[in-house]
Amino acid sequence: MKNFCALIGKYFGLLAVAFLVLGFMDPGLFRWVLGKVGSVSVLSLLLGVVMFGMGTTLSLKDFVLVFKRPKDVLLGAVAQFFIMPFLAYLLSRAFDLSPALTVGVVLVGTCPGGTSSNVITFMSKGDLALSVTMTSVSTVLSPILTPFITYLLIGEKIAFDPVGMFLSILQIVILPICLGVALRTFLPRLARAATDYTPAVSALAISLIIGGVIGASKAAILANVGVIFLVVILHNCLGYALGFAVARLVGLPWKKAVALSIEVGMQNSGLAVGLAKAHFAAMPTATVPGAVFSAWHNISGAVLAYLYLNVLNPRFDPDYEKEQTVLESAPAKA
């Protein structure tokens, strides 16, 4: 079972694409994902499961880096909540998106970094500790900054309740994460056992959300398929590029720049879907950019990790040759 779950976590990008295709081909297959159990949204429950899984991987010491390297973490937070929101706004204006698609793209931009960024940073040989801390900090800041920046960008044109969004993020994100951290703190053995399965459960939950949203929005996607995919791809890839550029401009070393580029480009787009569903119910198409982004950024992240590992690191990382020498000599010492 553990091996099967490991495979699901490893090939999350392919799973997400498969559910996207299934949802598109059979719109009724995952319709229940957008329904309710009693008075509770299934989609919100699935997001809560994802956030709980994230919580079980965190501990209070993950936030110590905030005090040890405050400039790095502050730069990551500023880049996260400046680059992606304003890229979203500019792309929405440049492509003259409908109000519903504008909402969806902006929500993707104003949400915090996604946990997938930690996996991709690890695969890319970037600064993993910085990546984990940036994800944690941006998530903790999101109840305030996500509604605030969303209101700044679209609040005058599209009515919504920032306070209600703040409360939603507390319920969907912060509470489950706190429960996960509490489990790891007070029942560490159980938390360690859970981490063998939570990545797979999270991958399945996000894939179900993608399938449900894509199925419910099939007609809108067919009407706007080209522009939706183009905007999502540009948003993600420009986020990678600008995140890396900012890091190098301020003098961060290579591994930190790798972590920052990935952290900025990869968003918690599942949360964007949940917020769109909860706060822009009259605009069902607003959920589509987040669903497409969820599938796409895992694919692009895997490609980016390959490029870092096999092309960019060997050429530009000044520590690459030293690390390779250490790795090659390790078996001999054993």
C-alpha atoms as a PDB file:
ATOM      1  CA  MET A   1       0.000   0.000   0.000  1.00  0.00           C
ATOM      2  CA  LYS A   2       2.847   2.362   0.863  1.00  0.00           C
ATOM      3  CA  ASN A   3       4.482   1.726  -2.511  1.00  0.00           C
ATOM      4  CA  PHE A   4       1.201   2.376  -4.297  1.00  0.00           C
ATOM      5  CA  CYS A   5       0.731   5.666  -2.421  1.00  0.00           C
ATOM      6  CA  ALA A   6       4.312   6.641  -3.207  1.00  0.00           C
ATOM      7  CA  LEU A   7       3.609   6.122  -6.912  1.00  0.00           C
ATOM      8  CA  ILE A   8       0.495   8.310  -6.723  1.00  0.00           C
ATOM      9  CA  GLY A   9       2.472  11.091  -5.056  1.00  0.00           C
ATOM     10  CA  LYS A  10       5.347  10.756  -7.516  1.00  0.00           C
ATOM     11  CA  TYR A  11       3.136  10.926 -10.598  1.00  0.00           C
ATOM     12  CA  PHE A  12       0.683  13.518  -9.305  1.00  0.00           C
ATOM     13  CA  GLY A  13       1.062  15.609 -12.467  1.00  0.00           C
ATOM     14  CA  LEU A  14      -0.065  12.729 -14.675  1.00  0.00           C
ATOM     15  CA  LEU A  15      -2.910  11.899 -12.290  1.00  0.00           C
ATOM     16  CA  ALA A  16      -4.112  15.502 -12.391  1.00  0.00           C
ATOM     17  CA  VAL A  17      -4.100  15.513 -16.202  1.00  0.00           C
ATOM     18  CA  ALA A  18      -5.943  12.174 -16.264  1.00  0.00           C
ATOM     19  CA  PHE A  19      -8.708  13.521 -14.009  1.00  0.00           C
ATOM     20  CA  LEU A  20      -8.855  16.715 -16.080  1.00  0.00           C
ATOM     21  CA  VAL A  21      -9.438  14.625 -19.224  1.00  0.00           C
ATOM     22  CA  LEU A  22     -11.954  12.348 -17.469  1.00  0.00           C
ATOM     23  CA  GLY A  23     -13.898  15.329 -16.125  1.00  0.00           C
ATOM     24  CA  PHE A  24     -13.979  16.882 -19.566  1.00  0.00           C
ATOM     25  CA  MET A  25     -15.039  13.683 -21.347  1.00  0.00           C
ATOM     26  CA  ASP A  26     -17.708  12.735 -18.759  1.00  0.00           C
ATOM     27  CA  PRO A  27     -18.897  15.921 -16.984  1.00  0.00           C
ATOM     28  CA  GLY A  28     -21.186  14.016 -14.636  1.00  0.00           C
ATOM     29  CA  LEU A  29     -18.492  11.683 -13.310  1.00  0.00           C
ATOM     30  CA  PHE A  30     -17.208  14.038 -10.608  1.00  0.00           C
ATOM     31  CA  ARG A  31     -20.245  16.286 -10.207  1.00  0.00           C
ATOM     32  CA  TRP A  32     -20.563  15.199  -6.568  1.00  0.00           C
ATOM     33  CA  VAL A  33     -17.286  17.013  -5.795  1.00  0.00           C
ATOM     34  CA  LEU A  34     -19.130  20.330  -6.154  1.00  0.00           C
ATOM     35  CA  GLY A  35     -22.007  19.201  -3.962  1.00  0.00           C
ATOM     36  CA  LYS A  36     -22.488  19.091  -0.199  1.00  0.00           C
ATOM     37  CA  VAL A  37     -22.537  16.574   2.606  1.00  0.00           C
ATOM     38  CA  GLY A  38     -25.270  17.945   4.819  1.00  0.00           C
ATOM     39  CA  SER A  39     -24.453  21.639   4.816  1.00  0.00           C
ATOM     40  CA  VAL A  40     -20.697  21.202   4.274  1.00  0.00           C
ATOM     41  CA  SER A  41     -19.105  21.660   0.848  1.00  0.00           C
ATOM     42  CA  VAL A  42     -17.339  18.527  -0.416  1.00  0.00           C
ATOM     43  CA  LEU A  43     -14.791  20.702  -2.183  1.00  0.00           C
ATOM     44  CA  SER A  44     -13.935  22.501   1.075  1.00  0.00           C
ATOM     45  CA  LEU A  45     -13.588  19.141   2.847  1.00  0.00           C
ATOM     46  CA  LEU A  46     -11.175  17.929   0.171  1.00  0.00           C
ATOM     47  CA  LEU A  47      -9.104  21.106   0.515  1.00  0.00           C
ATOM     48  CA  GLY A  48      -9.103  20.668   4.277  1.00  0.00           C
ATOM     49  CA  VAL A  49      -7.708  17.151   3.825  1.00  0.00           C
ATOM     50  CA  VAL A  50      -4.909  18.563   1.640  1.00  0.00           C
ATOM     51  CA  MET A  51      -4.062  21.257   4.185  1.00  0.00           C
ATOM     52  CA  PHE A  52      -4.143  18.751   7.059  1.00  0.00           C
ATOM     53  CA  GLY A  53      -1.646  16.635   5.127  1.00  0.00           C
ATOM     54  CA  MET A  54       0.585  19.672   4.756  1.00  0.00           C
ATOM     55  CA  GLY A  55       0.324  20.300   8.497  1.00  0.00           C
ATOM     56  CA  THR A  56       1.561  16.802   9.344  1.00  0.00           C
ATOM     57  CA  THR A  57       4.808  17.570   7.469  1.00  0.00           C
ATOM     58  CA  LEU A  58       5.457  20.795   9.416  1.00  0.00           C
ATOM     59  CA  SER A  59       6.779  21.482  12.881  1.00  0.00           C
ATOM     60  CA  LEU A  60       7.391  24.656  14.831  1.00  0.00           C
ATOM     61  CA  LYS A  61      11.095  24.467  13.987  1.00  0.00           C
ATOM     62  CA  ASP A  62      10.212  24.984  10.310  1.00  0.00           C
ATOM     63  CA  PHE A  63       9.460  28.585  11.247  1.00  0.00           C
ATOM     64  CA  VAL A  64      12.801  29.113  13.024  1.00  0.00           C
ATOM     65  CA  LEU A  65      14.325  30.020   9.653  1.00  0.00           C
ATOM     66  CA  VAL A  66      12.174  33.170   9.721  1.00  0.00           C
ATOM     67  CA  PHE A  67      14.399  34.431  12.548  1.00  0.00           C
ATOM     68  CA  LYS A  68      17.665  32.985  11.250  1.00  0.00           C
ATOM     69  CA  ARG A  69      17.289  34.289   7.684  1.00  0.00           C
ATOM     70  CA  PRO A  70      14.575  36.963   7.874  1.00  0.00           C
ATOM     71  CA  LYS A  71      15.707  38.790   4.716  1.00  0.00           C
ATOM     72  CA  ASP A  72      15.428  35.658   2.564  1.00  0.00           C
ATOM     73  CA  VAL A  73      11.988  34.776   3.912  1.00  0.00           C
ATOM     74  CA  LEU A  74      10.752  38.388   3.669  1.00  0.00           C
ATOM     75  CA  LEU A  75      11.929  38.578   0.062  1.00  0.00           C
ATOM     76  CA  GLY A  76      10.082  35.328  -0.669  1.00  0.00           C
ATOM     77  CA  ALA A  77       6.844  36.646   0.845  1.00  0.00           C
ATOM     78  CA  VAL A  78       7.074  39.975  -0.998  1.00  0.00           C
ATOM     79  CA  ALA A  79       7.839  38.235  -4.301  1.00  0.00           C
ATOM     80  CA  GLN A  80       5.008  35.724  -3.750  1.00  0.00           C
ATOM     81  CA  PHE A  81       2.353  38.326  -3.032  1.00  0.00           C
ATOM     82  CA  PHE A  82       3.548  40.915  -5.551  1.00  0.00           C
ATOM     83  CA  ILE A  83       4.713  39.084  -8.670  1.00  0.00           C
ATOM     84  CA  MET A  84       1.902  36.539  -9.082  1.00  0.00           C
ATOM     85  CA  PRO A  85      -1.066  38.831  -8.243  1.00  0.00           C
ATOM     86  CA  PHE A  86       0.049  41.608 -10.531  1.00  0.00           C
ATOM     87  CA  LEU A  87       1.024  39.192 -13.293  1.00  0.00           C
ATOM     88  CA  ALA A  88      -2.518  37.843 -13.007  1.00  0.00           C
ATOM     89  CA  TYR A  89      -3.986  41.324 -13.270  1.00  0.00           C
ATOM     90  CA  LEU A  90      -1.806  42.299 -16.244  1.00  0.00           C
ATOM     91  CA  LEU A  91      -2.550  39.072 -18.122  1.00  0.00           C
ATOM     92  CA  SER A  92      -6.271  39.488 -17.484  1.00  0.00           C
ATOM     93  CA  ARG A  93      -6.123  42.992 -18.940  1.00  0.00           C
ATOM     94  CA  ALA A  94      -3.847  42.042 -21.830  1.00  0.00           C
ATOM     95  CA  PHE A  95      -6.129  39.203 -22.963  1.00  0.00           C
ATOM     96  CA  ASP A  96      -9.330  41.106 -22.129  1.00  0.00           C
ATOM     97  CA  LEU A  97     -10.651  38.211 -20.061  1.00  0.00           C
ATOM     98  CA  SER A  98     -14.280  38.006 -19.001  1.00  0.00           C
ATOM     99  CA  PRO A  99     -15.048  39.031 -15.402  1.00  0.00           C
ATOM    100  CA  ALA A 100     -15.364  35.368 -14.348  1.00  0.00           C
ATOM    101  CA  LEU A 101     -12.010  34.324 -15.837  1.00  0.00           C
ATOM    102  CA  THR A 102     -10.403  37.474 -14.422  1.00  0.00           C
ATOM    103  CA  VAL A 103     -11.592  36.464 -10.954  1.00  0.00           C
ATOM    104  CA  GLY A 104     -10.178  32.955 -11.412  1.00  0.00           C
ATOM    105  CA  VAL A 105      -6.778  34.118 -12.655  1.00  0.00           C
ATOM    106  CA  VAL A 106      -6.462  36.795  -9.965  1.00  0.00           C
ATOM    107  CA  LEU A 107      -7.356  34.298  -7.223  1.00  0.00           C
ATOM    108  CA  VAL A 108      -4.625  31.959  -8.452  1.00  0.00           C
ATOM    109  CA  GLY A 109      -2.217  34.882  -8.227  1.00  0.00           C
ATOM    110  CA  THR A 110      -3.219  36.032  -4.754  1.00  0.00           C
ATOM    111  CA  CYS A 111      -3.186  32.577  -3.138  1.00  0.00           C
ATOM    112  CA  PRO A 112      -0.069  31.396  -1.257  1.00  0.00           C
ATOM    113  CA  GLY A 113       2.579  29.057  -2.584  1.00  0.00           C
ATOM    114  CA  GLY A 114       1.657  25.413  -3.045  1.00  0.00           C
ATOM    115  CA  THR A 115       3.232  22.430  -1.299  1.00  0.00           C
ATOM    116  CA  SER A 116       4.238  21.000  -4.690  1.00  0.00           C
ATOM    117  CA  SER A 117       6.929  23.697  -4.760  1.00  0.00           C
ATOM    118  CA  ASN A 118       8.760  21.919  -1.925  1.00  0.00           C
ATOM    119  CA  VAL A 119       8.891  18.665  -3.890  1.00  0.00           C
ATOM    120  CA  ILE A 120      10.062  20.398  -7.073  1.00  0.00           C
ATOM    121  CA  THR A 121      12.691  22.395  -5.145  1.00  0.00           C
ATOM    122  CA  PHE A 122      14.008  19.147  -3.658  1.00  0.00           C
ATOM    123  CA  MET A 123      14.147  17.564  -7.125  1.00  0.00           C
ATOM    124  CA  SER A 124      15.909  20.671  -8.482  1.00  0.00           C
ATOM    125  CA  LYS A 125      18.575  20.657  -5.723  1.00  0.00           C
ATOM    126  CA  GLY A 126      17.445  24.082  -4.535  1.00  0.00           C
ATOM    127  CA  ASP A 127      17.360  25.346  -0.945  1.00  0.00           C
ATOM    128  CA  LEU A 128      14.667  23.055   0.462  1.00  0.00           C
ATOM    129  CA  ALA A 129      14.625  24.596   3.954  1.00  0.00           C
ATOM    130  CA  LEU A 130      13.962  28.029   2.462  1.00  0.00           C
ATOM    131  CA  SER A 131      11.240  26.611   0.207  1.00  0.00           C
ATOM    132  CA  VAL A 132       9.404  24.930   3.099  1.00  0.00           C
ATOM    133  CA  THR A 133       9.628  28.092   5.203  1.00  0.00           C
ATOM    134  CA  MET A 134       8.397  30.334   2.375  1.00  0.00           C
ATOM    135  CA  THR A 135       5.428  28.038   1.754  1.00  0.00           C
ATOM    136  CA  SER A 136       4.593  28.004   5.455  1.00  0.00           C
ATOM    137  CA  VAL A 137       4.911  31.771   5.864  1.00  0.00           C
ATOM    138  CA  SER A 138       2.901  32.636   2.750  1.00  0.00           C
ATOM    139  CA  THR A 139       0.187  30.209   3.902  1.00  0.00           C
ATOM    140  CA  VAL A 140       0.043  31.823   7.353  1.00  0.00           C
ATOM    141  CA  LEU A 141      -0.150  35.291   5.746  1.00  0.00           C
ATOM    142  CA  SER A 142      -2.801  34.263   3.211  1.00  0.00           C
ATOM    143  CA  PRO A 143      -5.927  34.880   5.356  1.00  0.00           C
ATOM    144  CA  ILE A 144      -5.034  38.575   5.363  1.00  0.00           C
ATOM    145  CA  LEU A 145      -3.127  39.120   2.115  1.00  0.00           C
ATOM    146  CA  THR A 146      -5.225  36.981  -0.261  1.00  0.00           C
ATOM    147  CA  PRO A 147      -8.527  38.854   0.367  1.00  0.00           C
ATOM    148  CA  PHE A 148      -6.754  42.223   0.682  1.00  0.00           C
ATOM    149  CA  ILE A 149      -4.836  41.979  -2.612  1.00  0.00           C
ATOM    150  CA  THR A 150      -7.830  40.449  -4.392  1.00  0.00           C
ATOM    151  CA  TYR A 151      -9.910  43.415  -3.263  1.00  0.00           C
ATOM    152  CA  LEU A 152      -7.242  45.884  -4.438  1.00  0.00           C
ATOM    153  CA  LEU A 153      -7.117  44.310  -7.894  1.00  0.00           C
ATOM    154  CA  ILE A 154     -10.777  43.573  -8.663  1.00  0.00           C
ATOM    155  CA  GLY A 155     -12.853  44.771  -5.707  1.00  0.00           C
ATOM    156  CA  GLU A 156     -14.013  47.963  -7.386  1.00  0.00           C
ATOM    157  CA  LYS A 157     -15.335  46.098 -10.431  1.00  0.00           C
ATOM    158  CA  ILE A 158     -16.486  42.767  -9.027  1.00  0.00           C
ATOM    159  CA  ALA A 159     -18.291  42.666  -5.692  1.00  0.00           C
ATOM    160  CA  PHE A 160     -17.243  40.132  -3.057  1.00  0.00           C
ATOM    161  CA  ASP A 161     -16.817  39.909   0.699  1.00  0.00           C
ATOM    162  CA  PRO A 162     -13.139  40.143   1.777  1.00  0.00           C
ATOM    163  CA  VAL A 163     -14.025  39.406   5.405  1.00  0.00           C
ATOM    164  CA  GLY A 164     -15.928  36.291   4.346  1.00  0.00           C
ATOM    165  CA  MET A 165     -12.905  35.203   2.282  1.00  0.00           C
ATOM    166  CA  PHE A 166     -10.664  35.754   5.322  1.00  0.00           C
ATOM    167  CA  LEU A 167     -12.912  33.473   7.392  1.00  0.00           C
ATOM    168  CA  SER A 168     -13.003  30.873   4.617  1.00  0.00           C
ATOM    169  CA  ILE A 169      -9.207  30.712   4.482  1.00  0.00           C
ATOM    170  CA  LEU A 170      -9.055  30.308   8.257  1.00  0.00           C
ATOM    171  CA  GLN A 171     -11.471  27.363   8.010  1.00  0.00           C
ATOM    172  CA  ILE A 172     -10.091  25.735   4.852  1.00  0.00           C
ATOM    173  CA  VAL A 173      -6.375  26.366   5.371  1.00  0.00           C
ATOM    174  CA  ILE A 174      -5.257  27.503   8.805  1.00  0.00           C
ATOM    175  CA  LEU A 175      -7.427  25.232  11.000  1.00  0.00           C
ATOM    176  CA  PRO A 176      -6.541  21.967   9.178  1.00  0.00           C
ATOM    177  CA  ILE A 177      -2.850  22.914   9.105  1.00  0.00           C
ATOM    178  CA  CYS A 178      -2.920  23.627  12.844  1.00  0.00           C
ATOM    179  CA  LEU A 179      -4.533  20.235  13.437  1.00  0.00           C
ATOM    180  CA  GLY A 180      -1.819  18.585  11.345  1.00  0.00           C
ATOM    181  CA  VAL A 181       0.952  20.415  13.218  1.00  0.00           C
ATOM    182  CA  ALA A 182      -0.686  19.437  16.537  1.00  0.00           C
ATOM    183  CA  LEU A 183      -0.752  15.794  15.464  1.00  0.00           C
ATOM    184  CA  ARG A 184       2.947  15.909  14.594  1.00  0.00           C
ATOM    185  CA  THR A 185       3.769  17.700  17.856  1.00  0.00           C
ATOM    186  CA  PHE A 186       1.790  15.557  20.295  1.00  0.00           C
ATOM    187  CA  LEU A 187       1.536  12.245  18.415  1.00  0.00           C
ATOM    188  CA  PRO A 188       4.739  12.193  16.328  1.00  0.00           C
ATOM    189  CA  ARG A 189       4.721   8.448  15.658  1.00  0.00           C
ATOM    190  CA  LEU A 190       1.195   8.592  14.278  1.00  0.00           C
ATOM    191  CA  ALA A 191       2.114  11.671  12.192  1.00  0.00           C
ATOM    192  CA  ARG A 192       5.162   9.892  10.741  1.00  0.00           C
ATOM    193  CA  ALA A 193       2.989   6.923   9.824  1.00  0.00           C
ATOM    194  CA  ALA A 194       0.426   9.248   8.237  1.00  0.00           C
ATOM    195  CA  THR A 195       3.017  10.930   6.004  1.00  0.00           C
ATOM    196  CA  ASP A 196       3.396   7.647   4.109  1.00  0.00           C
ATOM    197  CA  TYR A 197      -0.145   8.162   2.841  1.00  0.00           C
ATOM    198  CA  THR A 198      -1.021  11.881   3.031  1.00  0.00           C
ATOM    199  CA  PRO A 199       0.801  12.892  -0.200  1.00  0.00           C
ATOM    200  CA  ALA A 200      -1.228  10.332  -2.144  1.00  0.00           C
ATOM    201  CA  VAL A 201      -4.486  11.352  -0.438  1.00  0.00           C
ATOM    202  CA  SER A 202      -3.730  15.007  -1.161  1.00  0.00           C
ATOM    203  CA  ALA A 203      -2.916  14.240  -4.797  1.00  0.00           C
ATOM    204  CA  LEU A 204      -6.183  12.329  -5.162  1.00  0.00           C
ATOM    205  CA  ALA A 205      -8.180  15.123  -3.464  1.00  0.00           C
ATOM    206  CA  ILE A 206      -6.761  17.815  -5.774  1.00  0.00           C
ATOM    207  CA  SER A 207      -7.319  15.570  -8.809  1.00  0.00           C
ATOM    208  CA  LEU A 208     -10.972  15.068  -7.824  1.00  0.00           C
ATOM    209  CA  ILE A 209     -11.402  18.835  -7.525  1.00  0.00           C
ATOM    210  CA  ILE A 210      -9.885  19.295 -10.982  1.00  0.00           C
ATOM    211  CA  GLY A 211     -12.206  16.653 -12.458  1.00  0.00           C
ATOM    212  CA  GLY A 212     -15.288  18.187 -10.822  1.00  0.00           C
ATOM    213  CA  VAL A 213     -14.529  21.758 -11.875  1.00  0.00           C
ATOM    214  CA  ILE A 214     -13.541  20.858 -15.424  1.00  0.00           C
ATOM    215  CA  GLY A 215     -16.675  18.756 -15.892  1.00  0.00           C
ATOM    216  CA  ALA A 216     -18.980  21.480 -14.581  1.00  0.00           C
ATOM    217  CA  SER A 217     -17.324  24.096 -16.810  1.00  0.00           C
ATOM    218  CA  LYS A 218     -16.989  22.111 -20.038  1.00  0.00           C
ATOM    219  CA  ALA A 219     -19.039  24.512 -22.154  1.00  0.00           C
ATOM    220  CA  ALA A 220     -17.141  27.567 -20.910  1.00  0.00           C
ATOM    221  CA  ILE A 221     -13.813  25.841 -21.482  1.00  0.00           C
ATOM    222  CA  LEU A 222     -14.740  24.951 -25.071  1.00  0.00           C
ATOM    223  CA  ALA A 223     -15.647  28.585 -25.671  1.00  0.00           C
ATOM    224  CA  ASN A 224     -12.353  29.888 -24.231  1.00  0.00           C
ATOM    225  CA  VAL A 225      -9.967  26.914 -24.337  1.00  0.00           C
ATOM    226  CA  GLY A 226      -7.106  28.675 -26.133  1.00  0.00           C
ATOM    227  CA  VAL A 227      -6.977  31.777 -23.975  1.00  0.00           C
ATOM    228  CA  ILE A 228      -7.433  29.870 -20.687  1.00  0.00           C
ATOM    229  CA  PHE A 229      -4.488  27.559 -21.307  1.00  0.00           C
ATOM    230  CA  LEU A 230      -2.315  30.356 -22.724  1.00  0.00           C
ATOM    231  CA  VAL A 231      -2.911  32.647 -19.738  1.00  0.00           C
ATOM    232  CA  VAL A 232      -2.325  29.818 -17.226  1.00  0.00           C
ATOM    233  CA  ILE A 233       0.936  28.779 -18.917  1.00  0.00           C
ATOM    234  CA  LEU A 234       2.196  32.375 -19.141  1.00  0.00           C
ATOM    235  CA  HIS A 235       1.235  33.091 -15.527  1.00  0.00           C
ATOM    236  CA  ASN A 236       3.107  30.039 -14.262  1.00  0.00           C
ATOM    237  CA  CYS A 237       6.222  30.325 -16.452  1.00  0.00           C
ATOM    238  CA  LEU A 238       6.594  34.093 -16.016  1.00  0.00           C
ATOM    239  CA  GLY A 239       6.311  33.491 -12.269  1.00  0.00           C
ATOM    240  CA  TYR A 240       9.271  31.092 -12.435  1.00  0.00           C
ATOM    241  CA  ALA A 241      11.316  33.533 -14.516  1.00  0.00           C
ATOM    242  CA  LEU A 242      10.548  36.676 -12.518  1.00  0.00           C
ATOM    243  CA  GLY A 243      11.018  34.901  -9.184  1.00  0.00           C
ATOM    244  CA  PHE A 244      14.470  33.763 -10.286  1.00  0.00           C
ATOM    245  CA  ALA A 245      15.340  37.182 -11.729  1.00  0.00           C
ATOM    246  CA  VAL A 246      14.388  39.003  -8.513  1.00  0.00           C
ATOM    247  CA  ALA A 247      16.424  36.577  -6.421  1.00  0.00           C
ATOM    248  CA  ARG A 248      19.540  37.063  -8.521  1.00  0.00           C
ATOM    249  CA  LEU A 249      19.093  40.838  -8.747  1.00  0.00           C
ATOM    250  CA  VAL A 250      19.175  41.141  -4.958  1.00  0.00           C
ATOM    251  CA  GLY A 251      22.219  38.878  -4.774  1.00  0.00           C
ATOM    252  CA  LEU A 252      20.803  35.565  -3.539  1.00  0.00           C
ATOM    253  CA  PRO A 253      23.050  32.570  -4.292  1.00  0.00           C
ATOM    254  CA  TRP A 254      22.050  29.988  -6.874  1.00  0.00           C
ATOM    255  CA  LYS A 255      20.262  27.463  -4.648  1.00  0.00           C
ATOM    256  CA  LYS A 256      18.161  30.139  -2.954  1.00  0.00           C
ATOM    257  CA  ALA A 257      17.282  31.608  -6.358  1.00  0.00           C
ATOM    258  CA  VAL A 258      16.144  28.158  -7.528  1.00  0.00           C
ATOM    259  CA  ALA A 259      13.913  27.827  -4.457  1.00  0.00           C
ATOM    260  CA  LEU A 260      12.461  31.321  -4.880  1.00  0.00           C
ATOM    261  CA  SER A 261      11.713  30.854  -8.579  1.00  0.00           C
ATOM    262  CA  ILE A 262       9.805  27.630  -7.916  1.00  0.00           C
ATOM    263  CA  GLU A 263       8.017  29.030  -4.859  1.00  0.00           C
ATOM    264  CA  VAL A 264       6.773  32.056  -6.791  1.00  0.00           C
ATOM    265  CA  GLY A 265       5.689  30.122  -9.879  1.00  0.00           C
ATOM    266  CA  MET A 266       3.789  27.319  -8.123  1.00  0.00           C
ATOM    267  CA  GLN A 267       0.581  28.371  -6.387  1.00  0.00           C
ATOM    268  CA  ASN A 268      -1.970  26.793  -4.064  1.00  0.00           C
ATOM    269  CA  SER A 269      -4.384  26.774  -6.981  1.00  0.00           C
ATOM    270  CA  GLY A 270      -6.681  24.279  -5.277  1.00  0.00           C
ATOM    271  CA  LEU A 271      -7.414  26.985  -2.716  1.00  0.00           C
ATOM    272  CA  ALA A 272      -8.138  29.380  -5.580  1.00  0.00           C
ATOM    273  CA  VAL A 273     -10.755  26.938  -6.851  1.00  0.00           C
ATOM    274  CA  GLY A 274     -12.344  26.653  -3.396  1.00  0.00           C
ATOM    275  CA  LEU A 275     -12.473  30.425  -2.908  1.00  0.00           C
ATOM    276  CA  ALA A 276     -13.936  30.962  -6.372  1.00  0.00           C
ATOM    277  CA  LYS A 277     -16.627  28.372  -5.686  1.00  0.00           C
ATOM    278  CA  ALA A 278     -17.464  29.828  -2.267  1.00  0.00           C
ATOM    279  CA  HIS A 279     -17.328  33.558  -2.981  1.00  0.00           C
ATOM    280  CA  PHE A 280     -18.111  33.877  -6.692  1.00  0.00           C
ATOM    281  CA  ALA A 281     -20.865  31.290  -7.016  1.00  0.00           C
ATOM    282  CA  ALA A 282     -22.615  33.383  -9.674  1.00  0.00           C
ATOM    283  CA  MET A 283     -19.492  32.989 -11.854  1.00  0.00           C
ATOM    284  CA  PRO A 284     -18.903  29.222 -12.172  1.00  0.00           C
ATOM    285  CA  THR A 285     -16.207  29.755 -14.810  1.00  0.00           C
ATOM    286  CA  ALA A 286     -14.078  31.481 -12.145  1.00  0.00           C
ATOM    287  CA  THR A 287     -13.077  28.034 -10.866  1.00  0.00           C
ATOM    288  CA  VAL A 288     -11.545  26.978 -14.201  1.00  0.00           C
ATOM    289  CA  PRO A 289      -8.162  28.824 -14.144  1.00  0.00           C
ATOM    290  CA  GLY A 290      -7.333  27.321 -10.748  1.00  0.00           C
ATOM    291  CA  ALA A 291      -8.211  23.801 -11.895  1.00  0.00           C
ATOM    292  CA  VAL A 292      -6.148  24.104 -15.078  1.00  0.00           C
ATOM    293  CA  PHE A 293      -3.264  25.668 -13.131  1.00  0.00           C
ATOM    294  CA  SER A 294      -3.314  22.740 -10.673  1.00  0.00           C
ATOM    295  CA  ALA A 295      -2.744  20.265 -13.472  1.00  0.00           C
ATOM    296  CA  TRP A 296      -0.337  22.408 -15.475  1.00  0.00           C
ATOM    297  CA  HIS A 297       2.072  23.582 -12.768  1.00  0.00           C
ATOM    298  CA  ASN A 298       2.872  20.027 -11.726  1.00  0.00           C
ATOM    299  CA  ILE A 299       3.830  19.203 -15.309  1.00  0.00           C
ATOM    300  CA  SER A 300       5.844  22.392 -15.788  1.00  0.00           C
ATOM    301  CA  GLY A 301       7.459  21.891 -12.373  1.00  0.00           C
ATOM    302  CA  ALA A 302       8.688  18.438 -13.330  1.00  0.00           C
ATOM    303  CA  VAL A 303      10.115  19.815 -16.588  1.00  0.00           C
ATOM    304  CA  LEU A 304      11.756  22.699 -14.717  1.00  0.00           C
ATOM    305  CA  ALA A 305      13.304  20.289 -12.199  1.00  0.00           C
ATOM    306  CA  TYR A 306      14.765  18.288 -15.089  1.00  0.00           C
ATOM    307  CA  LEU A 307      16.246  21.451 -16.622  1.00  0.00           C
ATOM    308  CA  TYR A 308      17.738  22.604 -13.319  1.00  0.00           C
ATOM    309  CA  LEU A 309      19.177  19.191 -12.531  1.00  0.00           C
ATOM    310  CA  ASN A 310      20.609  18.355 -15.961  1.00  0.00           C
ATOM    311  CA  VAL A 311      21.241  21.669 -17.712  1.00  0.00           C
ATOM    312  CA  LEU A 312      21.219  24.762 -15.508  1.00  0.00           C
ATOM    313  CA  ASN A 313      22.832  23.542 -12.258  1.00  0.00           C
ATOM    314  CA  PRO A 314      25.857  21.924 -13.977  1.00  0.00           C
ATOM    315  CA  ARG A 315      26.451  25.120 -15.931  1.00  0.00           C
ATOM    316  CA  PHE A 316      25.674  27.900 -13.454  1.00  0.00           C
ATOM    317  CA  ASP A 317      25.739  26.552  -9.866  1.00  0.00           C
ATOM    318  CA  PRO A 318      29.235  27.346  -8.501  1.00  0.00           C
ATOM    319  CA  ASP A 319      28.909  24.523  -5.927  1.00  0.00           C
ATOM    320  CA  TYR A 320      27.857  21.868  -8.426  1.00  0.00           C
ATOM    321  CA  GLU A 321      31.271  20.313  -9.107  1.00  0.00           C
ATOM    322  CA  LYS A 322      32.154  20.254  -5.390  1.00  0.00           C
ATOM    323  CA  GLU A 323      28.867  18.481  -4.571  1.00  0.00           C
ATOM    324  CA  GLN A 324      29.368  15.962  -7.356  1.00  0.00           C
ATOM    325  CA  THR A 325      32.846  15.188  -6.053  1.00  0.00           C
ATOM    326  CA  VAL A 326      31.468  14.560  -2.572  1.00  0.00           C
ATOM    327  CA  LEU A 327      28.717  12.293  -3.946  1.00  0.00           C
ATOM    328  CA  GLU A 328      31.139  10.317  -6.083  1.00  0.00           C
ATOM    329  CA  SER A 329      33.609   9.836  -3.237  1.00  0.00           C
ATOM    330  CA  ALA A 330      30.963   8.778  -0.669  1.00  0.00           C
ATOM    331  CA  PRO A 331      30.776   5.085  -1.756  1.00  0.00           C
ATOM    332  CA  ALA A 332      34.568   4.794  -1.674  1.00  0.00           C
ATOM    333  CA  LYS A 333      34.688   6.020   1.920  1.00  0.00           C
ATOM    334  CA  ALA A 334      32.060   3.483   2.896  1.00  0.00           C
END
